[in-house]
Amino acid sequence: MNKECNETKELILDFVYGEIEDKAAAEKVKSHIDTCKECADLYASYKKIADTASEMKVDFPDSVWDMHRKGIHEKIEAQKSRKFGFLTGLFHSRNFKRAGIATIMAVFVAGAAFQYIKTQDNMRRQAELTEKMEMIQNMEILERLDFYESLSRTNGA
């Protein structure tokens, strides 16, 4: 059963009673019923009930028929909620909320730990770079001292 079947099943009862005002929507329901056996069977059963009810000589007020339609719609909705009821219960349970909060906290702590490690690594690299720069500066100073020392030896000798 696909999405189109689900949408059509919701409208079949209205289609049987001619209550779909949008002609394009009514044509879409009719087209789907013509191509889908399951929906066609459902339409046939609703149509049979509607025809039998219309042949009855009992004159019920419109409010009774509205209650009848409403009851059928409620049954359809109850079937839908039974199919996915376990998911609804899962998402509204306290345990799910606690698990969600725990997950958010774990992600936050992991992110903070990652940032801390990254910062520490950057600081270590910066310290190494500073140490290397100091070594280069010291080497330059020593080279200058050697140069001046060699100059003073050649001038003094």
Protein backbone atom coordinates (compact mmCIF):
# COMPACT_ATOMS: atom_id res chain seq x y z
CA MET A 1 0.00 0.00 0.00
CA ASN A 2 1.45 3.33 -1.03
CA LYS A 3 0.84 6.95 -0.14
CA GLU A 4 -1.69 7.38 -2.94
CA CYS A 5 -3.71 4.41 -1.58
CA ASN A 6 -3.74 5.93 1.90
CA GLU A 7 -4.89 9.31 0.58
CA THR A 8 -7.55 7.69 -1.59
CA LYS A 9 -8.89 5.48 1.22
CA GLU A 10 -9.47 8.59 3.29
CA LEU A 11 -11.61 10.08 0.49
CA ILE A 12 -13.53 7.00 -0.70
CA LEU A 13 -16.42 7.48 1.71
CA ASP A 14 -16.79 11.13 0.67
CA PHE A 15 -16.59 10.01 -2.97
CA VAL A 16 -19.39 7.46 -2.45
CA TYR A 17 -21.65 10.17 -1.01
CA GLY A 18 -20.60 12.73 -3.65
CA GLU A 19 -19.14 15.07 -1.07
CA ILE A 20 -15.83 15.83 -2.77
CA GLU A 21 -16.32 19.36 -4.03
CA ASP A 22 -13.08 19.63 -5.98
CA LYS A 23 -13.69 17.94 -9.35
CA ALA A 24 -10.00 17.28 -9.92
CA ALA A 25 -9.75 15.52 -6.54
CA ALA A 26 -12.88 13.49 -7.28
CA GLU A 27 -11.46 12.47 -10.67
CA LYS A 28 -8.17 11.49 -9.03
CA VAL A 29 -10.04 9.25 -6.56
CA LYS A 30 -12.07 7.67 -9.39
CA SER A 31 -8.92 7.12 -11.45
CA HIS A 32 -7.17 5.45 -8.53
CA ILE A 33 -10.17 3.24 -7.78
CA ASP A 34 -10.15 2.13 -11.44
CA THR A 35 -6.51 1.00 -11.17
CA CYS A 36 -6.25 -0.34 -7.60
CA LYS A 37 -8.08 -3.55 -6.67
CA GLU A 38 -7.87 -2.99 -2.90
CA CYS A 39 -9.33 0.51 -3.14
CA ALA A 40 -11.91 -0.68 -5.69
CA ASP A 41 -13.05 -3.39 -3.25
CA LEU A 42 -13.32 -0.84 -0.45
CA TYR A 43 -15.27 1.48 -2.73
CA ALA A 44 -17.61 -1.37 -3.73
CA SER A 45 -18.32 -2.25 -0.10
CA TYR A 46 -18.98 1.39 0.83
CA LYS A 47 -21.13 1.84 -2.26
CA LYS A 48 -23.14 -1.29 -1.44
CA ILE A 49 -23.77 -0.01 2.08
CA ALA A 50 -24.73 3.42 0.79
CA ASP A 51 -27.06 1.95 -1.85
CA THR A 52 -28.69 -0.36 0.67
CA ALA A 53 -29.10 2.50 3.10
CA SER A 54 -30.61 4.73 0.40
CA GLU A 55 -33.18 2.06 -0.52
CA MET A 56 -34.45 1.92 3.04
CA LYS A 57 -37.76 3.61 3.59
CA VAL A 58 -36.71 4.98 6.96
CA ASP A 59 -36.45 8.73 6.96
CA PHE A 60 -33.59 9.67 9.23
CA PRO A 61 -32.64 13.28 9.73
CA ASP A 62 -29.37 14.47 8.22
CA SER A 63 -27.80 14.55 11.67
CA VAL A 64 -28.09 10.75 11.89
CA TRP A 65 -26.31 10.32 8.56
CA ASP A 66 -23.66 12.80 9.66
CA MET A 67 -23.13 10.72 12.81
CA HIS A 68 -22.89 7.60 10.63
CA ARG A 69 -20.22 9.20 8.41
CA LYS A 70 -18.41 10.55 11.46
CA GLY A 71 -18.36 7.07 13.02
CA ILE A 72 -16.85 5.58 9.88
CA HIS A 73 -14.21 8.34 9.74
CA GLU A 74 -13.38 7.69 13.41
CA LYS A 75 -12.92 3.98 12.67
CA ILE A 76 -10.57 4.84 9.82
CA GLU A 77 -8.57 7.16 12.10
CA ALA A 78 -8.49 4.48 14.82
CA GLN A 79 -7.03 2.02 12.30
CA LYS A 80 -4.36 4.54 11.35
CA SER A 81 -3.42 5.19 14.97
CA ARG A 82 -3.22 1.45 15.67
CA LYS A 83 -0.75 1.03 12.81
CA PHE A 84 1.59 3.69 14.18
CA GLY A 85 0.47 3.75 17.82
CA PHE A 86 3.66 2.19 19.10
CA LEU A 87 5.65 5.05 17.57
CA THR A 88 3.38 7.66 19.11
CA GLY A 89 3.76 6.05 22.52
CA LEU A 90 7.50 5.85 22.07
CA PHE A 91 7.89 9.54 21.25
CA HIS A 92 5.66 10.67 24.11
CA SER A 93 7.15 8.50 26.82
CA ARG A 94 9.31 9.85 29.62
CA ASN A 95 12.11 7.48 28.72
CA PHE A 96 12.28 8.93 25.21
CA LYS A 97 12.54 12.45 26.60
CA ARG A 98 15.27 11.37 29.00
CA ALA A 99 17.11 9.56 26.23
CA GLY A 100 16.85 12.67 24.06
CA ILE A 101 18.23 14.89 26.78
CA ALA A 102 21.02 12.39 27.48
CA THR A 103 21.88 12.28 23.77
CA ILE A 104 22.03 16.06 23.54
CA MET A 105 24.24 16.21 26.62
CA ALA A 106 26.54 13.49 25.24
CA VAL A 107 26.89 15.35 21.94
CA PHE A 108 27.65 18.57 23.84
CA VAL A 109 30.29 16.88 26.03
CA ALA A 110 31.85 15.16 23.00
CA GLY A 111 31.98 18.49 21.17
CA ALA A 112 33.56 20.20 24.17
CA ALA A 113 36.13 17.39 24.50
CA PHE A 114 36.95 17.60 20.81
CA GLN A 115 37.37 21.38 21.06
CA TYR A 116 39.61 20.98 24.13
CA ILE A 117 41.82 18.43 22.38
CA LYS A 118 42.01 20.62 19.29
CA THR A 119 42.96 23.65 21.40
CA GLN A 120 45.62 21.68 23.27
CA ASP A 121 47.06 20.42 19.98
CA ASN A 122 47.18 23.97 18.60
CA MET A 123 48.89 25.22 21.75
CA ARG A 124 51.48 22.42 21.54
CA ARG A 125 52.17 23.24 17.89
CA GLN A 126 52.48 26.92 18.72
CA ALA A 127 54.93 26.15 21.54
CA GLU A 128 57.02 23.98 19.18
CA LEU A 129 57.01 26.73 16.58
CA THR A 130 58.04 29.33 19.17
CA GLU A 131 60.87 27.06 20.35
CA LYS A 132 62.11 26.60 16.78
CA MET A 133 61.94 30.35 16.17
CA GLU A 134 64.00 30.96 19.32
CA MET A 135 66.56 28.38 18.18
CA ILE A 136 66.84 30.10 14.80
CA GLN A 137 67.28 33.47 16.49
CA ASN A 138 69.94 32.03 18.81
CA MET A 139 71.74 30.50 15.83
CA GLU A 140 71.69 33.87 14.05
CA ILE A 141 73.12 35.54 17.17
CA LEU A 142 75.87 32.90 17.41
CA GLU A 143 76.70 33.34 13.72
CA ARG A 144 76.97 37.11 14.23
CA LEU A 145 79.14 36.61 17.28
CA ASP A 146 81.39 34.24 15.30
CA PHE A 147 81.53 36.79 12.49
CA TYR A 148 82.47 39.65 14.85
CA GLU A 149 84.96 37.44 16.65
CA SER A 150 86.63 36.50 13.36
CA LEU A 151 86.67 40.18 12.36
CA SER A 152 88.26 41.19 15.63
CA ARG A 153 90.90 38.48 15.24
CA THR A 154 91.79 39.59 11.73
CA ASN A 155 91.88 43.26 12.75
CA GLY A 156 93.76 42.63 15.96
CA ALA A 157 96.40 40.37 14.49
